[in-house]
Amino acid sequence: MILQDQIVERSSLVELILRSSPIAKLVLLVLLLFSIASWAIIFTKSRATKLAEQQSNQFLQAFENAGRWDDLQASSTALQQSPLAAIFQAAHGELQKQSRLNLEAVSRVMQSAAIGETSKLEKSLGWLASTASAAPFIGLFGTVVGIIIAFQGLSAATTASIQAVAPGIAEALVATAAGIAAAVPAVLGYNHYVNRIKTLAAEMDRFSLRLLNFIEREANE
């Protein structure tokens, strides 16, 4: 009985969508595209941030156990997805160019690398923010247009009753529901990954300071 009720509800929802106006269908299509893009970004960011965190932890362990600069060089080459390894590579490249140690120049290069890694991790998050803010309004637009069409039909009807206008309003409200359904995962995904990227950025800053100390110790030995 419960399964049968669910099938009826789904068929009713499909019927509402099929009976909706062309503008409402266009709104639903736009929201579907927003939702598909948002989910694709969410899954992509999940893999990218997880890989960055795992390889950064591995590189930190290598840093703790490293006795020489060459040991870190080998680890950074193997862990290409780690932001910390990218910072190390930037520092290594700067040191190769210097004839005399300049820690300020190395610090600037590492800061630039950290900014680049943070920007790479934040790529496409703007789409999630745009979906979270725009999708409910796009859905509301579809609802308003649908209600206008429903009341126009009511004015032309011979009898005015709630039964006459209810189907049109129900069709219009589907757009609002679709807007909310597209916005909620986007805003949750955006907040989640912004926090994870902030944690990685803080780890990059701490590592940069520790790496400067390591370079200074190497130079004084």
Protein backbone atom coordinates (compact mmCIF):
# COMPACT_ATOMS: atom_id res chain seq x y z
CA MET A 1 0.00 0.00 0.00
CA ILE A 2 2.82 2.40 0.90
CA LEU A 3 4.66 1.55 -2.34
CA GLN A 4 1.51 2.16 -4.34
CA ASP A 5 1.04 5.57 -2.68
CA GLN A 6 4.64 6.49 -3.55
CA ILE A 7 4.09 5.51 -7.18
CA VAL A 8 0.95 7.64 -7.31
CA GLU A 9 2.79 10.62 -5.80
CA ARG A 10 5.62 10.31 -8.33
CA SER A 11 3.22 10.03 -11.26
CA SER A 12 1.30 13.05 -9.97
CA LEU A 13 4.53 15.07 -9.78
CA VAL A 14 5.47 14.08 -13.33
CA GLU A 15 2.00 15.06 -14.52
CA LEU A 16 2.34 18.46 -12.84
CA ILE A 17 5.65 19.05 -14.63
CA LEU A 18 4.28 17.91 -17.99
CA ARG A 19 1.19 20.14 -17.64
CA SER A 20 3.20 23.19 -16.60
CA SER A 21 3.62 26.19 -18.88
CA PRO A 22 6.57 26.53 -21.29
CA ILE A 23 8.11 29.19 -19.04
CA ALA A 24 7.87 26.89 -16.02
CA LYS A 25 9.45 24.05 -18.00
CA LEU A 26 12.27 26.38 -19.04
CA VAL A 27 12.80 27.38 -15.41
CA LEU A 28 12.89 23.72 -14.35
CA LEU A 29 15.39 22.95 -17.11
CA VAL A 30 17.66 25.81 -15.97
CA LEU A 31 17.45 24.61 -12.38
CA LEU A 32 18.24 21.05 -13.48
CA LEU A 33 21.37 22.27 -15.26
CA PHE A 34 22.38 24.27 -12.17
CA SER A 35 21.85 21.21 -10.00
CA ILE A 36 23.83 18.86 -12.27
CA ALA A 37 26.75 21.32 -12.43
CA SER A 38 26.69 21.78 -8.66
CA TRP A 39 26.75 18.05 -7.95
CA ALA A 40 29.60 17.60 -10.44
CA ILE A 41 31.61 20.30 -8.63
CA ILE A 42 30.80 18.79 -5.24
CA PHE A 43 32.08 15.35 -6.27
CA THR A 44 35.14 16.83 -7.98
CA LYS A 45 36.02 18.95 -4.94
CA SER A 46 35.51 15.99 -2.64
CA ARG A 47 38.15 14.01 -4.52
CA ALA A 48 40.54 16.97 -4.88
CA THR A 49 40.43 18.08 -1.23
CA LYS A 50 40.65 14.52 0.06
CA LEU A 51 43.70 13.84 -2.10
CA ALA A 52 45.31 17.13 -1.06
CA GLU A 53 44.76 16.38 2.62
CA GLN A 54 46.07 12.81 2.38
CA GLN A 55 49.20 13.74 0.45
CA SER A 56 49.83 16.76 2.69
CA ASN A 57 49.75 14.50 5.74
CA GLN A 58 52.18 12.15 4.03
CA PHE A 59 54.49 15.03 3.14
CA LEU A 60 54.37 16.32 6.72
CA GLN A 61 55.43 12.90 7.97
CA ALA A 62 58.29 12.93 5.46
CA PHE A 63 59.23 16.41 6.65
CA GLU A 64 59.30 15.27 10.26
CA ASN A 65 61.52 12.31 9.40
CA ALA A 66 63.74 14.07 6.88
CA GLY A 67 67.34 14.54 7.81
CA ARG A 68 68.44 16.17 4.58
CA TRP A 69 67.04 18.51 1.94
CA ASP A 70 67.37 15.83 -0.75
CA ASP A 71 65.03 13.56 1.21
CA LEU A 72 62.31 16.21 1.04
CA GLN A 73 62.96 16.73 -2.66
CA ALA A 74 62.25 13.07 -3.36
CA SER A 75 59.05 13.14 -1.29
CA SER A 76 57.75 16.31 -2.96
CA THR A 77 58.23 14.76 -6.40
CA ALA A 78 56.14 11.72 -5.42
CA LEU A 79 53.32 13.76 -3.84
CA GLN A 80 52.31 16.11 -6.65
CA GLN A 81 48.77 16.77 -5.30
CA SER A 82 49.99 18.09 -1.95
CA PRO A 83 49.92 21.90 -1.56
CA LEU A 84 52.79 21.57 0.91
CA ALA A 85 54.89 19.77 -1.68
CA ALA A 86 54.15 22.58 -4.14
CA ILE A 87 55.37 25.14 -1.59
CA PHE A 88 58.51 23.12 -1.04
CA GLN A 89 59.12 22.90 -4.79
CA ALA A 90 58.73 26.68 -5.09
CA ALA A 91 61.26 27.21 -2.27
CA HIS A 92 63.62 24.68 -3.84
CA GLY A 93 63.42 26.45 -7.20
CA GLU A 94 64.20 29.81 -5.60
CA LEU A 95 67.16 28.41 -3.67
CA GLN A 96 68.56 26.95 -6.88
CA LYS A 97 68.59 30.43 -8.40
CA GLN A 98 70.29 32.13 -5.44
CA SER A 99 74.03 32.47 -5.15
CA ARG A 100 73.64 33.73 -1.59
CA LEU A 101 70.86 32.73 0.81
CA ASN A 102 68.01 35.26 0.91
CA LEU A 103 65.27 34.04 3.24
CA GLU A 104 62.97 36.97 2.43
CA ALA A 105 62.94 36.03 -1.25
CA VAL A 106 62.27 32.39 -0.37
CA SER A 107 59.43 33.47 1.93
CA ARG A 108 57.84 35.56 -0.83
CA VAL A 109 58.06 32.68 -3.29
CA MET A 110 56.46 30.28 -0.80
CA GLN A 111 53.69 32.77 -0.06
CA SER A 112 53.01 33.13 -3.77
CA ALA A 113 52.89 29.33 -4.14
CA ALA A 114 50.49 29.06 -1.20
CA ILE A 115 48.18 31.65 -2.77
CA GLY A 116 48.28 29.73 -6.06
CA GLU A 117 47.45 26.43 -4.36
CA THR A 118 44.58 28.00 -2.42
CA SER A 119 43.18 29.55 -5.61
CA LYS A 120 43.39 26.16 -7.33
CA LEU A 121 41.47 24.49 -4.51
CA GLU A 122 38.85 27.27 -4.54
CA LYS A 123 38.28 26.99 -8.28
CA SER A 124 34.60 26.50 -9.23
CA LEU A 125 33.37 27.17 -5.68
CA GLY A 126 31.91 30.43 -7.00
CA TRP A 127 29.45 28.37 -9.04
CA LEU A 128 28.18 26.71 -5.86
CA ALA A 129 27.76 30.12 -4.24
CA SER A 130 25.91 31.43 -7.30
CA THR A 131 23.63 28.38 -7.38
CA ALA A 132 22.89 28.71 -3.66
CA SER A 133 21.89 32.36 -4.02
CA ALA A 134 20.23 32.35 -7.46
CA ALA A 135 18.37 29.02 -7.61
CA PRO A 136 15.62 29.95 -5.08
CA PHE A 137 14.92 33.20 -6.97
CA ILE A 138 14.83 31.40 -10.32
CA GLY A 139 12.34 28.95 -8.83
CA LEU A 140 10.32 31.82 -7.35
CA PHE A 141 10.22 33.47 -10.75
CA GLY A 142 8.74 30.30 -12.24
CA THR A 143 6.20 30.14 -9.43
CA VAL A 144 5.11 33.75 -9.87
CA VAL A 145 4.69 33.31 -13.62
CA GLY A 146 2.74 30.10 -13.04
CA ILE A 147 0.40 31.75 -10.53
CA ILE A 148 -0.20 34.65 -12.92
CA ILE A 149 -1.12 32.19 -15.66
CA ALA A 150 -3.38 30.27 -13.24
CA PHE A 151 -5.29 33.41 -12.23
CA GLN A 152 -5.60 34.53 -15.83
CA GLY A 153 -7.23 31.17 -16.58
CA LEU A 154 -9.49 31.63 -13.56
CA SER A 155 -10.67 35.01 -14.79
CA ALA A 156 -11.69 33.43 -18.08
CA ALA A 157 -13.50 30.51 -16.42
CA THR A 158 -17.26 30.51 -16.05
CA THR A 159 -17.12 29.40 -12.39
CA ALA A 160 -14.59 30.71 -9.87
CA SER A 161 -13.59 28.18 -7.20
CA ILE A 162 -10.50 26.85 -5.47
CA GLN A 163 -10.81 23.64 -7.50
CA ALA A 164 -10.37 25.67 -10.67
CA VAL A 165 -7.18 27.44 -9.59
CA ALA A 166 -5.57 24.76 -7.38
CA PRO A 167 -3.98 22.70 -10.20
CA GLY A 168 -2.33 25.79 -11.69
CA ILE A 169 -0.94 26.89 -8.31
CA ALA A 170 0.34 23.36 -7.64
CA GLU A 171 2.15 23.38 -10.98
CA ALA A 172 3.65 26.78 -10.20
CA LEU A 173 4.91 25.72 -6.76
CA VAL A 174 6.94 22.90 -8.32
CA ALA A 175 9.37 25.56 -9.55
CA THR A 176 9.95 26.86 -6.02
CA ALA A 177 10.53 23.33 -4.74
CA ALA A 178 13.01 22.72 -7.56
CA GLY A 179 14.84 25.96 -6.72
CA ILE A 180 15.20 24.97 -3.09
CA ALA A 181 16.29 21.44 -4.06
CA ALA A 182 19.05 22.92 -6.25
CA ALA A 183 20.15 25.51 -3.67
CA VAL A 184 20.43 23.38 -0.51
CA PRO A 185 23.19 20.97 -1.71
CA ALA A 186 25.05 23.92 -3.24
CA VAL A 187 25.14 25.98 -0.05
CA LEU A 188 26.05 22.96 2.08
CA GLY A 189 28.80 21.95 -0.33
CA TYR A 190 30.14 25.50 -0.54
CA ASN A 191 30.37 25.94 3.23
CA HIS A 192 31.90 22.50 3.69
CA TYR A 193 34.68 22.96 1.16
CA VAL A 194 35.42 26.55 2.14
CA ASN A 195 36.09 25.33 5.68
CA ARG A 196 38.29 22.47 4.47
CA ILE A 197 40.26 24.80 2.22
CA LYS A 198 40.72 27.26 5.10
CA THR A 199 42.20 24.43 7.15
CA LEU A 200 44.57 23.54 4.30
CA ALA A 201 45.54 27.20 3.88
CA ALA A 202 46.38 27.47 7.59
CA GLU A 203 48.46 24.29 7.29
CA MET A 204 50.31 25.84 4.35
CA ASP A 205 51.15 28.94 6.41
CA ARG A 206 52.44 26.85 9.30
CA PHE A 207 54.49 24.67 7.00
CA SER A 208 56.04 27.71 5.29
CA LEU A 209 57.34 28.98 8.63
CA ARG A 210 58.70 25.56 9.57
CA LEU A 211 60.35 25.21 6.17
CA LEU A 212 62.06 28.58 6.59
CA ASN A 213 63.49 27.37 9.89
CA PHE A 214 64.64 24.15 8.20
CA ILE A 215 66.38 26.13 5.44
CA GLU A 216 68.08 28.38 7.98
CA ARG A 217 69.34 25.38 9.94
CA GLU A 218 70.62 23.74 6.76
CA ALA A 219 72.46 26.94 5.82
CA ASN A 220 74.13 27.22 9.23
CA GLU A 221 75.37 23.63 9.30
